[in-house]
Amino acid sequence: MNEIKRVVGINLIVILFINVLIRITSNYEHRDRSWAIMGGVASLILLQLVVNLILGVVFALMNKGKLAKPFFISIGVVLVIGFSTCWANASF
């Protein structure tokens, strides 16, 4: 259970960092800014999902299911929270 909390917590911190970084560095005008933010956040969250999937599969193939499970759980968490914040960023 401790591994799950650690991996999911790290992924949530990464989502927060991605959102803040994209929001600060986006310098488009107001009309295009929300789409640029949404595209940037979606791209980086997709990359985060792929990294979690690769790590989960690698640990599963190494017969370390206890280490693979947190990465597969964090894929679901990142999907729900990450893309929700992605759409929320597009509304501003």
C-alpha atoms as a PDB file:
ATOM      1  CA  MET A   1       0.000   0.000   0.000  1.00  0.00           C
ATOM      2  CA  ASN A   2       2.916   2.306   0.708  1.00  0.00           C
ATOM      3  CA  GLU A   3       4.229   1.914  -2.857  1.00  0.00           C
ATOM      4  CA  ILE A   4       0.827   2.822  -4.293  1.00  0.00           C
ATOM      5  CA  LYS A   5       0.647   6.014  -2.232  1.00  0.00           C
ATOM      6  CA  ARG A   6       4.179   6.969  -3.214  1.00  0.00           C
ATOM      7  CA  VAL A   7       3.759   6.393  -6.970  1.00  0.00           C
ATOM      8  CA  VAL A   8       0.314   8.010  -7.146  1.00  0.00           C
ATOM      9  CA  GLY A   9       1.543  10.941  -5.044  1.00  0.00           C
ATOM     10  CA  ILE A  10       4.512  11.508  -7.331  1.00  0.00           C
ATOM     11  CA  ASN A  11       2.224  11.383 -10.363  1.00  0.00           C
ATOM     12  CA  LEU A  12      -0.128  13.942  -8.814  1.00  0.00           C
ATOM     13  CA  ILE A  13       2.805  16.247  -8.085  1.00  0.00           C
ATOM     14  CA  VAL A  14       3.908  15.864 -11.723  1.00  0.00           C
ATOM     15  CA  ILE A  15       0.390  16.784 -12.912  1.00  0.00           C
ATOM     16  CA  LEU A  16       0.429  19.884 -10.698  1.00  0.00           C
ATOM     17  CA  PHE A  17       3.889  20.841 -11.967  1.00  0.00           C
ATOM     18  CA  ILE A  18       2.802  20.349 -15.598  1.00  0.00           C
ATOM     19  CA  ASN A  19      -0.270  22.538 -15.149  1.00  0.00           C
ATOM     20  CA  VAL A  20       1.603  25.338 -13.414  1.00  0.00           C
ATOM     21  CA  LEU A  21       4.497  25.262 -15.872  1.00  0.00           C
ATOM     22  CA  ILE A  22       2.273  25.315 -18.972  1.00  0.00           C
ATOM     23  CA  ARG A  23       0.056  28.041 -17.502  1.00  0.00           C
ATOM     24  CA  ILE A  24       3.021  30.277 -16.668  1.00  0.00           C
ATOM     25  CA  THR A  25       4.895  29.811 -19.942  1.00  0.00           C
ATOM     26  CA  SER A  26       1.902  30.167 -22.260  1.00  0.00           C
ATOM     27  CA  ASN A  27       2.156  33.576 -23.885  1.00  0.00           C
ATOM     28  CA  TYR A  28      -0.546  33.374 -26.549  1.00  0.00           C
ATOM     29  CA  GLU A  29      -3.335  35.891 -26.835  1.00  0.00           C
ATOM     30  CA  HIS A  30      -6.524  35.203 -24.918  1.00  0.00           C
ATOM     31  CA  ARG A  31      -8.440  33.494 -27.729  1.00  0.00           C
ATOM     32  CA  ASP A  32      -5.678  31.016 -28.551  1.00  0.00           C
ATOM     33  CA  ARG A  33      -4.245  30.697 -25.049  1.00  0.00           C
ATOM     34  CA  SER A  34      -6.781  28.202 -23.723  1.00  0.00           C
ATOM     35  CA  TRP A  35      -6.251  25.851 -26.668  1.00  0.00           C
ATOM     36  CA  ALA A  36      -2.485  26.117 -26.349  1.00  0.00           C
ATOM     37  CA  ILE A  37      -2.675  25.310 -22.653  1.00  0.00           C
ATOM     38  CA  MET A  38      -5.016  22.391 -23.277  1.00  0.00           C
ATOM     39  CA  GLY A  39      -2.770  21.004 -26.014  1.00  0.00           C
ATOM     40  CA  GLY A  40       0.377  21.342 -23.946  1.00  0.00           C
ATOM     41  CA  VAL A  41      -1.123  19.774 -20.853  1.00  0.00           C
ATOM     42  CA  ALA A  42      -2.712  16.937 -22.850  1.00  0.00           C
ATOM     43  CA  SER A  43       0.581  16.155 -24.579  1.00  0.00           C
ATOM     44  CA  LEU A  44       2.574  16.004 -21.367  1.00  0.00           C
ATOM     45  CA  ILE A  45      -0.096  13.971 -19.569  1.00  0.00           C
ATOM     46  CA  LEU A  46      -0.108  11.518 -22.454  1.00  0.00           C
ATOM     47  CA  LEU A  47       3.671  11.246 -22.085  1.00  0.00           C
ATOM     48  CA  GLN A  48       3.228  10.634 -18.349  1.00  0.00           C
ATOM     49  CA  LEU A  49       0.699   7.874 -19.091  1.00  0.00           C
ATOM     50  CA  VAL A  50       3.087   6.196 -21.516  1.00  0.00           C
ATOM     51  CA  VAL A  51       5.928   6.303 -18.974  1.00  0.00           C
ATOM     52  CA  ASN A  52       3.686   4.758 -16.304  1.00  0.00           C
ATOM     53  CA  LEU A  53       2.566   2.057 -18.725  1.00  0.00           C
ATOM     54  CA  ILE A  54       6.135   1.207 -19.711  1.00  0.00           C
ATOM     55  CA  LEU A  55       7.266   1.039 -16.075  1.00  0.00           C
ATOM     56  CA  GLY A  56       4.266  -1.108 -15.136  1.00  0.00           C
ATOM     57  CA  VAL A  57       4.883  -3.550 -17.980  1.00  0.00           C
ATOM     58  CA  VAL A  58       8.615  -3.748 -17.228  1.00  0.00           C
ATOM     59  CA  PHE A  59       7.993  -4.542 -13.570  1.00  0.00           C
ATOM     60  CA  ALA A  60       5.275  -7.046 -14.507  1.00  0.00           C
ATOM     61  CA  LEU A  61       7.623  -8.828 -16.916  1.00  0.00           C
ATOM     62  CA  MET A  62      10.272  -8.959 -14.200  1.00  0.00           C
ATOM     63  CA  ASN A  63       7.722 -10.784 -11.985  1.00  0.00           C
ATOM     64  CA  LYS A  64       7.628  -7.869  -9.563  1.00  0.00           C
ATOM     65  CA  GLY A  65       3.868  -7.496  -9.443  1.00  0.00           C
ATOM     66  CA  LYS A  66       4.051  -5.609  -6.170  1.00  0.00           C
ATOM     67  CA  LEU A  67       5.978  -2.860  -7.970  1.00  0.00           C
ATOM     68  CA  ALA A  68       3.908  -3.012 -11.180  1.00  0.00           C
ATOM     69  CA  LYS A  69       0.524  -2.541  -9.519  1.00  0.00           C
ATOM     70  CA  PRO A  70       1.101   1.091  -8.391  1.00  0.00           C
ATOM     71  CA  PHE A  71       2.003   2.152 -11.918  1.00  0.00           C
ATOM     72  CA  PHE A  72      -1.143   0.608 -13.373  1.00  0.00           C
ATOM     73  CA  ILE A  73      -3.276   2.242 -10.671  1.00  0.00           C
ATOM     74  CA  SER A  74      -1.618   5.588 -11.297  1.00  0.00           C
ATOM     75  CA  ILE A  75      -2.540   5.332 -14.998  1.00  0.00           C
ATOM     76  CA  GLY A  76      -6.197   5.472 -13.981  1.00  0.00           C
ATOM     77  CA  VAL A  77      -5.611   8.333 -11.559  1.00  0.00           C
ATOM     78  CA  VAL A  78      -3.648  10.332 -14.124  1.00  0.00           C
ATOM     79  CA  LEU A  79      -6.332   9.747 -16.751  1.00  0.00           C
ATOM     80  CA  VAL A  80      -9.138  10.992 -14.543  1.00  0.00           C
ATOM     81  CA  ILE A  81      -7.404  13.907 -12.848  1.00  0.00           C
ATOM     82  CA  GLY A  82      -5.009  14.885 -15.626  1.00  0.00           C
ATOM     83  CA  PHE A  83      -7.474  15.209 -18.444  1.00  0.00           C
ATOM     84  CA  SER A  84     -10.049  16.828 -16.136  1.00  0.00           C
ATOM     85  CA  THR A  85      -7.548  19.576 -15.359  1.00  0.00           C
ATOM     86  CA  CYS A  86      -6.750  19.722 -19.048  1.00  0.00           C
ATOM     87  CA  TRP A  87     -10.367  20.591 -19.879  1.00  0.00           C
ATOM     88  CA  ALA A  88     -10.585  22.941 -16.912  1.00  0.00           C
ATOM     89  CA  ASN A  89      -7.556  24.839 -18.189  1.00  0.00           C
ATOM     90  CA  ALA A  90      -9.227  25.239 -21.575  1.00  0.00           C
ATOM     91  CA  SER A  91     -12.178  27.056 -20.023  1.00  0.00           C
ATOM     92  CA  PHE A  92     -10.094  30.005 -18.794  1.00  0.00           C
END
